[in-house]
Amino acid sequence: MTTLQDLPPLAPSADLLRRTLRRHAAGVTVITVPGPAGFTATSFTSVSLQPALVSFYVSATASAAPAVRAADLFAVHLLHRRQEQLAARFARSGIDRFEGTAWTPDEHGLPILHGAAAWLTARPVLIQEIGDHLLVVGEVADAGAGEGGAPLVHHDGAFGGFDPEAGL
């Protein structure tokens, strides 16, 4: 029986993969953990409804990675179209991402950003190194909807949105 270890590597170059995946539109989130620490992520997804599990990836070398590894809880903030500046701030490295950001710590010190379209909190149940990233899977503890509006998406290296009512 052939195993994955027996097969020759098929992966394209990192540059080719990056150029290809830029064509995939993705919803934009900001992940926060106590510290406070946080970052913009487009890798957020649901995993399971029963139990309620979600996941995201973060670069293992990201400035927020040590805080993510140490966190007992994390929050995911689903951004709406008018939060492009917030997404850009949390995507930037070498700055205090929380400076100028409206947020409140919950009872566990978890930063909850104000004004997100929706949010959830979760307890990590798996943190696994996968290639050059960390896969984080969490069991949802709480969730809620905030302001409505069109979602913020990331495509081809830029933030944008679409209006579901207009079909755009």
N, C-alpha and C. Protein backbone atom coordinates (compact mmCIF):
# COMPACT_ATOMS: atom_id res chain seq x y z
N MET A 1 0.84 -1.17 0.00
CA MET A 1 0.00 0.00 0.00
C MET A 1 0.90 1.24 0.00
N THR A 2 0.61 2.17 -0.88
CA THR A 2 1.38 3.41 -0.96
C THR A 2 0.87 4.40 0.08
N THR A 3 1.81 5.03 0.78
CA THR A 3 1.45 6.04 1.77
C THR A 3 1.89 7.40 1.25
N LEU A 4 1.44 8.47 1.93
CA LEU A 4 1.83 9.82 1.54
C LEU A 4 3.34 10.00 1.59
N GLN A 5 4.00 9.33 2.53
CA GLN A 5 5.44 9.46 2.66
C GLN A 5 6.17 8.85 1.46
N ASP A 6 5.53 7.88 0.78
CA ASP A 6 6.15 7.21 -0.36
C ASP A 6 6.03 8.01 -1.65
N LEU A 7 5.14 8.99 -1.68
CA LEU A 7 4.91 9.75 -2.91
C LEU A 7 5.88 10.91 -3.04
N PRO A 8 6.27 11.25 -4.26
CA PRO A 8 7.14 12.43 -4.43
C PRO A 8 6.36 13.70 -4.13
N PRO A 9 7.04 14.74 -3.66
CA PRO A 9 6.34 16.00 -3.38
C PRO A 9 5.76 16.59 -4.66
N LEU A 10 4.56 17.12 -4.55
CA LEU A 10 3.88 17.71 -5.70
C LEU A 10 3.64 19.20 -5.54
N ALA A 11 4.02 19.75 -4.42
CA ALA A 11 3.68 21.14 -4.09
C ALA A 11 4.32 22.13 -5.06
N PRO A 12 3.55 23.12 -5.49
CA PRO A 12 4.12 24.19 -6.31
C PRO A 12 4.97 25.10 -5.42
N SER A 13 5.68 26.01 -6.03
CA SER A 13 6.46 26.95 -5.25
C SER A 13 5.53 27.79 -4.38
N ALA A 14 6.08 28.33 -3.28
CA ALA A 14 5.28 29.18 -2.39
C ALA A 14 4.75 30.39 -3.14
N ASP A 15 5.56 30.96 -4.04
CA ASP A 15 5.13 32.13 -4.80
C ASP A 15 3.95 31.79 -5.72
N LEU A 16 4.02 30.66 -6.41
CA LEU A 16 2.93 30.24 -7.29
C LEU A 16 1.67 29.97 -6.48
N LEU A 17 1.81 29.31 -5.34
CA LEU A 17 0.66 29.03 -4.49
C LEU A 17 0.03 30.33 -3.99
N ARG A 18 0.87 31.27 -3.55
CA ARG A 18 0.37 32.56 -3.07
C ARG A 18 -0.39 33.29 -4.18
N ARG A 19 0.18 33.35 -5.39
CA ARG A 19 -0.49 34.02 -6.52
C ARG A 19 -1.82 33.35 -6.86
N THR A 20 -1.85 32.05 -6.78
CA THR A 20 -3.07 31.30 -7.10
C THR A 20 -4.15 31.54 -6.06
N LEU A 21 -3.79 31.44 -4.79
CA LEU A 21 -4.78 31.55 -3.73
C LEU A 21 -5.29 32.97 -3.54
N ARG A 22 -4.58 33.97 -4.06
CA ARG A 22 -5.08 35.35 -4.01
C ARG A 22 -6.39 35.48 -4.77
N ARG A 23 -6.67 34.55 -5.67
CA ARG A 23 -7.90 34.59 -6.47
C ARG A 23 -9.12 34.09 -5.70
N HIS A 24 -8.89 33.56 -4.51
CA HIS A 24 -9.98 33.04 -3.68
C HIS A 24 -10.49 34.15 -2.75
N ALA A 25 -11.73 34.55 -2.92
CA ALA A 25 -12.31 35.56 -2.02
C ALA A 25 -12.65 34.90 -0.69
N ALA A 26 -12.34 35.61 0.40
CA ALA A 26 -12.58 35.05 1.73
C ALA A 26 -13.11 36.13 2.66
N GLY A 27 -13.97 35.72 3.57
CA GLY A 27 -14.45 36.62 4.60
C GLY A 27 -13.31 37.03 5.51
N VAL A 28 -13.42 38.23 6.08
CA VAL A 28 -12.35 38.78 6.91
C VAL A 28 -12.78 38.77 8.38
N THR A 29 -11.89 38.26 9.22
CA THR A 29 -12.12 38.24 10.66
C THR A 29 -10.92 38.84 11.37
N VAL A 30 -11.12 39.24 12.60
CA VAL A 30 -10.02 39.56 13.50
C VAL A 30 -10.12 38.59 14.66
N ILE A 31 -9.02 37.88 14.91
CA ILE A 31 -8.94 36.94 16.02
C ILE A 31 -8.22 37.66 17.16
N THR A 32 -8.75 37.58 18.38
CA THR A 32 -8.09 38.18 19.54
C THR A 32 -7.92 37.13 20.63
N VAL A 33 -6.87 37.33 21.44
CA VAL A 33 -6.59 36.48 22.59
C VAL A 33 -6.15 37.39 23.73
N PRO A 34 -6.22 36.89 24.98
CA PRO A 34 -5.75 37.71 26.09
C PRO A 34 -4.31 38.13 25.89
N GLY A 35 -3.98 39.28 26.42
CA GLY A 35 -2.63 39.80 26.29
C GLY A 35 -2.60 41.32 26.34
N PRO A 36 -3.31 42.07 25.54
CA PRO A 36 -4.09 41.58 24.40
C PRO A 36 -3.20 41.35 23.18
N ALA A 37 -3.63 40.42 22.34
CA ALA A 37 -2.98 40.17 21.06
C ALA A 37 -4.08 39.86 20.05
N GLY A 38 -3.79 40.11 18.79
CA GLY A 38 -4.77 39.83 17.76
C GLY A 38 -4.19 39.99 16.38
N PHE A 39 -4.93 39.50 15.39
CA PHE A 39 -4.49 39.56 14.01
C PHE A 39 -5.68 39.38 13.08
N THR A 40 -5.53 39.83 11.85
CA THR A 40 -6.54 39.65 10.82
C THR A 40 -6.36 38.26 10.22
N ALA A 41 -7.47 37.57 10.01
CA ALA A 41 -7.42 36.22 9.43
C ALA A 41 -8.53 36.03 8.41
N THR A 42 -8.20 35.37 7.33
CA THR A 42 -9.20 34.96 6.34
C THR A 42 -9.36 33.44 6.34
N SER A 43 -8.64 32.76 7.23
CA SER A 43 -8.67 31.30 7.27
C SER A 43 -9.72 30.74 8.22
N PHE A 44 -10.57 31.59 8.77
CA PHE A 44 -11.58 31.14 9.73
C PHE A 44 -12.65 30.31 9.03
N THR A 45 -13.08 29.22 9.69
CA THR A 45 -14.16 28.39 9.14
C THR A 45 -14.86 27.61 10.25
N SER A 46 -16.07 27.21 9.96
CA SER A 46 -16.76 26.30 10.88
C SER A 46 -16.25 24.89 10.62
N VAL A 47 -16.24 24.08 11.67
CA VAL A 47 -15.76 22.71 11.56
C VAL A 47 -16.91 21.73 11.81
N SER A 48 -17.71 22.01 12.85
CA SER A 48 -18.77 21.09 13.26
C SER A 48 -19.86 21.87 13.98
N LEU A 49 -21.10 21.40 13.82
CA LEU A 49 -22.21 22.00 14.57
C LEU A 49 -22.43 21.31 15.91
N GLN A 50 -22.21 19.99 15.96
CA GLN A 50 -22.38 19.21 17.17
C GLN A 50 -21.16 18.33 17.38
N PRO A 51 -20.22 18.67 18.21
CA PRO A 51 -20.17 19.88 19.01
C PRO A 51 -19.84 21.09 18.14
N ALA A 52 -20.10 22.26 18.67
CA ALA A 52 -19.86 23.50 17.93
C ALA A 52 -18.36 23.79 17.90
N LEU A 53 -17.72 23.56 16.74
CA LEU A 53 -16.28 23.75 16.59
C LEU A 53 -16.00 24.68 15.43
N VAL A 54 -15.00 25.54 15.60
CA VAL A 54 -14.53 26.44 14.55
C VAL A 54 -13.01 26.32 14.49
N SER A 55 -12.42 26.84 13.40
CA SER A 55 -10.97 26.78 13.29
C SER A 55 -10.43 28.00 12.55
N PHE A 56 -9.13 28.21 12.71
CA PHE A 56 -8.40 29.21 11.95
C PHE A 56 -6.94 28.80 11.93
N TYR A 57 -6.18 29.44 11.05
CA TYR A 57 -4.74 29.24 10.97
C TYR A 57 -4.04 30.56 11.25
N VAL A 58 -2.84 30.48 11.82
CA VAL A 58 -1.98 31.64 12.03
C VAL A 58 -0.56 31.18 11.73
N SER A 59 0.22 32.04 11.11
CA SER A 59 1.61 31.72 10.83
C SER A 59 2.33 31.41 12.14
N ALA A 60 3.12 30.36 12.15
CA ALA A 60 3.85 29.97 13.36
C ALA A 60 4.87 31.03 13.77
N THR A 61 5.25 31.91 12.84
CA THR A 61 6.22 32.97 13.15
C THR A 61 5.55 34.33 13.36
N ALA A 62 4.23 34.38 13.34
CA ALA A 62 3.52 35.66 13.54
C ALA A 62 3.76 36.16 14.96
N SER A 63 3.73 37.48 15.12
CA SER A 63 3.96 38.05 16.45
C SER A 63 2.90 37.59 17.45
N ALA A 64 1.69 37.28 16.98
CA ALA A 64 0.62 36.84 17.88
C ALA A 64 0.67 35.35 18.19
N ALA A 65 1.51 34.58 17.48
CA ALA A 65 1.52 33.12 17.66
C ALA A 65 1.81 32.69 19.09
N PRO A 66 2.78 33.26 19.81
CA PRO A 66 2.99 32.83 21.20
C PRO A 66 1.76 33.06 22.08
N ALA A 67 1.08 34.19 21.89
CA ALA A 67 -0.12 34.46 22.68
C ALA A 67 -1.24 33.49 22.32
N VAL A 68 -1.35 33.14 21.05
CA VAL A 68 -2.37 32.16 20.62
C VAL A 68 -2.08 30.81 21.26
N ARG A 69 -0.81 30.40 21.24
CA ARG A 69 -0.45 29.10 21.86
C ARG A 69 -0.79 29.07 23.35
N ALA A 70 -0.64 30.20 24.04
CA ALA A 70 -0.85 30.26 25.49
C ALA A 70 -2.30 30.52 25.90
N ALA A 71 -3.15 30.90 24.95
CA ALA A 71 -4.51 31.35 25.27
C ALA A 71 -5.43 30.20 25.69
N ASP A 72 -6.23 30.47 26.72
CA ASP A 72 -7.28 29.53 27.13
C ASP A 72 -8.58 29.80 26.39
N LEU A 73 -8.69 30.98 25.78
CA LEU A 73 -9.86 31.39 25.01
C LEU A 73 -9.41 32.24 23.83
N PHE A 74 -10.23 32.28 22.79
CA PHE A 74 -10.01 33.22 21.72
C PHE A 74 -11.36 33.77 21.26
N ALA A 75 -11.32 34.93 20.65
CA ALA A 75 -12.53 35.54 20.09
C ALA A 75 -12.34 35.72 18.59
N VAL A 76 -13.40 35.50 17.85
CA VAL A 76 -13.42 35.73 16.41
C VAL A 76 -14.43 36.82 16.14
N HIS A 77 -14.00 37.87 15.44
CA HIS A 77 -14.87 38.99 15.10
C HIS A 77 -15.06 38.99 13.59
N LEU A 78 -16.28 38.73 13.12
CA LEU A 78 -16.58 38.76 11.70
C LEU A 78 -16.84 40.21 11.31
N LEU A 79 -16.06 40.72 10.38
CA LEU A 79 -16.11 42.14 10.07
C LEU A 79 -17.11 42.45 8.97
N HIS A 80 -17.68 43.66 9.06
CA HIS A 80 -18.56 44.14 8.00
C HIS A 80 -17.79 45.11 7.12
N ARG A 81 -18.34 45.44 5.99
CA ARG A 81 -17.68 46.21 4.95
C ARG A 81 -17.07 47.52 5.46
N ARG A 82 -17.68 48.15 6.43
CA ARG A 82 -17.19 49.44 6.93
C ARG A 82 -16.00 49.29 7.88
N GLN A 83 -15.49 48.07 8.08
CA GLN A 83 -14.39 47.85 9.01
C GLN A 83 -13.07 47.53 8.31
N GLU A 84 -12.91 48.05 7.11
CA GLU A 84 -11.69 47.82 6.34
C GLU A 84 -10.46 48.35 7.08
N GLN A 85 -10.55 49.51 7.72
CA GLN A 85 -9.41 50.08 8.44
C GLN A 85 -9.02 49.20 9.64
N LEU A 86 -10.01 48.64 10.31
CA LEU A 86 -9.73 47.73 11.43
C LEU A 86 -9.00 46.49 10.93
N ALA A 87 -9.46 45.92 9.83
CA ALA A 87 -8.81 44.74 9.25
C ALA A 87 -7.37 45.07 8.86
N ALA A 88 -7.16 46.23 8.24
CA ALA A 88 -5.81 46.63 7.83
C ALA A 88 -4.91 46.83 9.05
N ARG A 89 -5.43 47.42 10.11
CA ARG A 89 -4.63 47.65 11.32
C ARG A 89 -4.18 46.32 11.93
N PHE A 90 -5.08 45.35 12.03
CA PHE A 90 -4.73 44.07 12.65
C PHE A 90 -3.92 43.18 11.70
N ALA A 91 -3.81 43.56 10.43
CA ALA A 91 -2.96 42.83 9.48
C ALA A 91 -1.54 43.38 9.48
N ARG A 92 -1.36 44.58 10.00
CA ARG A 92 -0.05 45.25 10.00
C ARG A 92 0.80 44.72 11.14
N SER A 93 2.09 44.54 10.88
CA SER A 93 3.00 44.10 11.94
C SER A 93 3.81 45.28 12.44
N GLY A 94 4.36 45.12 13.64
CA GLY A 94 5.22 46.13 14.21
C GLY A 94 4.52 47.32 14.81
N ILE A 95 3.20 47.22 15.05
CA ILE A 95 2.45 48.31 15.66
C ILE A 95 1.62 47.75 16.82
N ASP A 96 1.12 48.66 17.67
CA ASP A 96 0.15 48.27 18.69
C ASP A 96 -1.21 48.24 18.01
N ARG A 97 -1.68 47.06 17.68
CA ARG A 97 -2.93 46.91 16.93
C ARG A 97 -4.15 47.37 17.71
N PHE A 98 -4.03 47.42 19.04
CA PHE A 98 -5.17 47.82 19.86
C PHE A 98 -5.25 49.33 20.07
N GLU A 99 -4.18 50.05 19.75
CA GLU A 99 -4.20 51.50 19.90
C GLU A 99 -5.20 52.09 18.91
N GLY A 100 -6.14 52.86 19.43
CA GLY A 100 -7.17 53.45 18.58
C GLY A 100 -8.31 52.50 18.24
N THR A 101 -8.30 51.30 18.81
CA THR A 101 -9.34 50.31 18.56
C THR A 101 -10.29 50.29 19.74
N ALA A 102 -11.59 50.35 19.48
CA ALA A 102 -12.59 50.26 20.54
C ALA A 102 -12.77 48.79 20.92
N TRP A 103 -12.43 48.47 22.18
CA TRP A 103 -12.57 47.10 22.65
C TRP A 103 -12.75 47.09 24.16
N THR A 104 -13.24 45.96 24.65
CA THR A 104 -13.45 45.78 26.07
C THR A 104 -12.97 44.37 26.43
N PRO A 105 -12.23 44.23 27.53
CA PRO A 105 -11.88 42.87 27.95
C PRO A 105 -13.08 42.21 28.62
N ASP A 106 -13.30 40.93 28.32
CA ASP A 106 -14.37 40.23 29.03
C ASP A 106 -13.84 39.81 30.41
N GLU A 107 -14.60 39.02 31.14
CA GLU A 107 -14.22 38.65 32.50
C GLU A 107 -12.94 37.80 32.56
N HIS A 108 -12.51 37.25 31.42
CA HIS A 108 -11.29 36.44 31.34
C HIS A 108 -10.12 37.21 30.73
N GLY A 109 -10.32 38.51 30.45
CA GLY A 109 -9.28 39.31 29.81
C GLY A 109 -9.24 39.17 28.31
N LEU A 110 -10.23 38.50 27.73
CA LEU A 110 -10.31 38.30 26.29
C LEU A 110 -10.78 39.59 25.62
N PRO A 111 -10.01 40.16 24.71
CA PRO A 111 -10.43 41.41 24.05
C PRO A 111 -11.61 41.17 23.11
N ILE A 112 -12.68 41.91 23.36
CA ILE A 112 -13.86 41.86 22.48
C ILE A 112 -13.94 43.21 21.76
N LEU A 113 -13.81 43.17 20.44
CA LEU A 113 -13.82 44.39 19.64
C LEU A 113 -15.25 44.89 19.49
N HIS A 114 -15.42 46.20 19.50
CA HIS A 114 -16.74 46.81 19.35
C HIS A 114 -17.12 46.89 17.88
N GLY A 115 -18.39 46.70 17.58
CA GLY A 115 -18.94 46.99 16.27
C GLY A 115 -18.82 45.91 15.22
N ALA A 116 -18.39 44.70 15.56
CA ALA A 116 -18.29 43.64 14.56
C ALA A 116 -19.67 43.21 14.10
N ALA A 117 -19.75 42.67 12.90
CA ALA A 117 -21.02 42.16 12.38
C ALA A 117 -21.51 40.98 13.20
N ALA A 118 -20.58 40.16 13.66
CA ALA A 118 -20.88 39.02 14.54
C ALA A 118 -19.58 38.64 15.24
N TRP A 119 -19.72 37.88 16.32
CA TRP A 119 -18.55 37.48 17.09
C TRP A 119 -18.83 36.15 17.76
N LEU A 120 -17.77 35.50 18.16
CA LEU A 120 -17.91 34.29 18.97
C LEU A 120 -16.66 34.16 19.83
N THR A 121 -16.80 33.43 20.91
CA THR A 121 -15.66 33.09 21.74
C THR A 121 -15.56 31.57 21.77
N ALA A 122 -14.33 31.07 21.90
CA ALA A 122 -14.14 29.63 21.88
C ALA A 122 -12.94 29.25 22.75
N ARG A 123 -12.95 28.01 23.17
CA ARG A 123 -11.86 27.43 23.96
C ARG A 123 -11.08 26.50 23.04
N PRO A 124 -9.76 26.72 22.89
CA PRO A 124 -8.97 25.84 22.02
C PRO A 124 -9.02 24.39 22.50
N VAL A 125 -9.28 23.49 21.57
CA VAL A 125 -9.26 22.06 21.88
C VAL A 125 -8.14 21.36 21.10
N LEU A 126 -7.58 22.06 20.11
CA LEU A 126 -6.46 21.51 19.33
C LEU A 126 -5.63 22.67 18.80
N ILE A 127 -4.34 22.61 19.02
CA ILE A 127 -3.39 23.51 18.37
C ILE A 127 -2.31 22.61 17.79
N GLN A 128 -2.23 22.62 16.47
CA GLN A 128 -1.36 21.68 15.77
C GLN A 128 -0.52 22.41 14.73
N GLU A 129 0.78 22.18 14.72
CA GLU A 129 1.62 22.74 13.66
C GLU A 129 1.32 21.98 12.37
N ILE A 130 1.00 22.74 11.34
CA ILE A 130 0.73 22.19 10.01
C ILE A 130 1.58 23.01 9.04
N GLY A 131 2.64 22.44 8.52
CA GLY A 131 3.54 23.20 7.66
C GLY A 131 4.12 24.37 8.44
N ASP A 132 4.00 25.58 7.88
CA ASP A 132 4.55 26.77 8.55
C ASP A 132 3.49 27.53 9.34
N HIS A 133 2.34 26.91 9.60
CA HIS A 133 1.25 27.54 10.33
C HIS A 133 0.82 26.71 11.53
N LEU A 134 0.04 27.33 12.39
CA LEU A 134 -0.64 26.63 13.48
C LEU A 134 -2.11 26.52 13.11
N LEU A 135 -2.65 25.33 13.21
CA LEU A 135 -4.08 25.11 13.09
C LEU A 135 -4.64 25.18 14.49
N VAL A 136 -5.64 26.02 14.69
CA VAL A 136 -6.30 26.14 15.99
C VAL A 136 -7.76 25.77 15.81
N VAL A 137 -8.22 24.78 16.55
CA VAL A 137 -9.62 24.37 16.55
C VAL A 137 -10.16 24.69 17.94
N GLY A 138 -11.33 25.35 17.99
CA GLY A 138 -11.91 25.72 19.26
C GLY A 138 -13.36 25.33 19.38
N GLU A 139 -13.75 25.03 20.62
CA GLU A 139 -15.15 24.74 20.92
C GLU A 139 -15.83 26.05 21.30
N VAL A 140 -16.90 26.37 20.61
CA VAL A 140 -17.57 27.65 20.80
C VAL A 140 -18.22 27.70 22.18
N ALA A 141 -17.94 28.81 22.89
CA ALA A 141 -18.50 29.03 24.22
C ALA A 141 -19.67 30.00 24.18
N ASP A 142 -19.58 31.01 23.31
CA ASP A 142 -20.61 32.05 23.22
C ASP A 142 -20.55 32.66 21.83
N ALA A 143 -21.63 33.27 21.40
CA ALA A 143 -21.68 33.90 20.08
C ALA A 143 -22.78 34.94 20.06
N GLY A 144 -22.68 35.86 19.12
CA GLY A 144 -23.72 36.86 18.98
C GLY A 144 -23.56 37.64 17.70
N ALA A 145 -24.62 38.32 17.33
CA ALA A 145 -24.62 39.16 16.14
C ALA A 145 -24.61 40.61 16.57
N GLY A 146 -23.83 41.40 15.88
CA GLY A 146 -23.77 42.83 16.14
C GLY A 146 -24.48 43.58 15.04
N GLU A 147 -23.80 44.60 14.54
CA GLU A 147 -24.36 45.39 13.44
C GLU A 147 -24.48 44.52 12.20
N GLY A 148 -25.50 44.78 11.42
CA GLY A 148 -25.66 44.08 10.16
C GLY A 148 -24.83 44.74 9.09
N GLY A 149 -25.16 44.47 7.87
CA GLY A 149 -24.46 45.10 6.76
C GLY A 149 -23.71 44.09 5.93
N ALA A 150 -23.19 44.59 4.83
CA ALA A 150 -22.45 43.74 3.90
C ALA A 150 -21.15 43.26 4.54
N PRO A 151 -20.71 42.05 4.20
CA PRO A 151 -19.49 41.51 4.79
C PRO A 151 -18.24 42.14 4.16
N LEU A 152 -17.17 42.13 4.92
CA LEU A 152 -15.86 42.52 4.39
C LEU A 152 -15.20 41.26 3.84
N VAL A 153 -14.69 41.35 2.62
CA VAL A 153 -14.00 40.21 2.01
C VAL A 153 -12.61 40.63 1.58
N HIS A 154 -11.76 39.64 1.40
CA HIS A 154 -10.39 39.86 0.93
C HIS A 154 -10.23 39.09 -0.37
N HIS A 155 -9.75 39.78 -1.40
CA HIS A 155 -9.55 39.14 -2.70
C HIS A 155 -8.40 39.82 -3.42
N ASP A 156 -7.52 39.04 -3.96
CA ASP A 156 -6.41 39.52 -4.78
C ASP A 156 -5.60 40.60 -4.07
N GLY A 157 -5.39 40.42 -2.77
CA GLY A 157 -4.55 41.32 -2.00
C GLY A 157 -5.23 42.58 -1.52
N ALA A 158 -6.56 42.68 -1.67
CA ALA A 158 -7.25 43.91 -1.27
C ALA A 158 -8.53 43.56 -0.53
N PHE A 159 -8.96 44.50 0.33
CA PHE A 159 -10.23 44.36 1.02
C PHE A 159 -11.33 44.95 0.13
N GLY A 160 -12.51 44.39 0.24
CA GLY A 160 -13.65 44.89 -0.52
C GLY A 160 -14.91 44.31 0.08
N GLY A 161 -15.97 44.36 -0.67
CA GLY A 161 -17.23 43.82 -0.18
C GLY A 161 -18.19 43.59 -1.31
N PHE A 162 -19.37 43.18 -0.96
CA PHE A 162 -20.42 43.03 -1.94
C PHE A 162 -21.75 43.30 -1.26
N ASP A 163 -22.69 43.71 -2.03
CA ASP A 163 -24.01 44.01 -1.52
C ASP A 163 -24.94 42.89 -1.94
N PRO A 164 -25.33 42.00 -0.99
CA PRO A 164 -26.16 40.86 -1.38
C PRO A 164 -27.52 41.28 -1.94
N GLU A 165 -28.03 42.43 -1.51
CA GLU A 165 -29.33 42.89 -2.01
C GLU A 165 -29.23 43.36 -3.46
N ALA A 166 -28.08 43.90 -3.84
CA ALA A 166 -27.90 44.37 -5.22
C ALA A 166 -27.31 43.29 -6.10
N GLY A 167 -26.93 42.16 -5.49
CA GLY A 167 -26.34 41.08 -6.26
C GLY A 167 -24.90 41.37 -6.64
N LEU A 168 -24.24 42.28 -5.94
CA LEU A 168 -22.84 42.63 -6.24
C LEU A 168 -21.93 42.12 -5.16
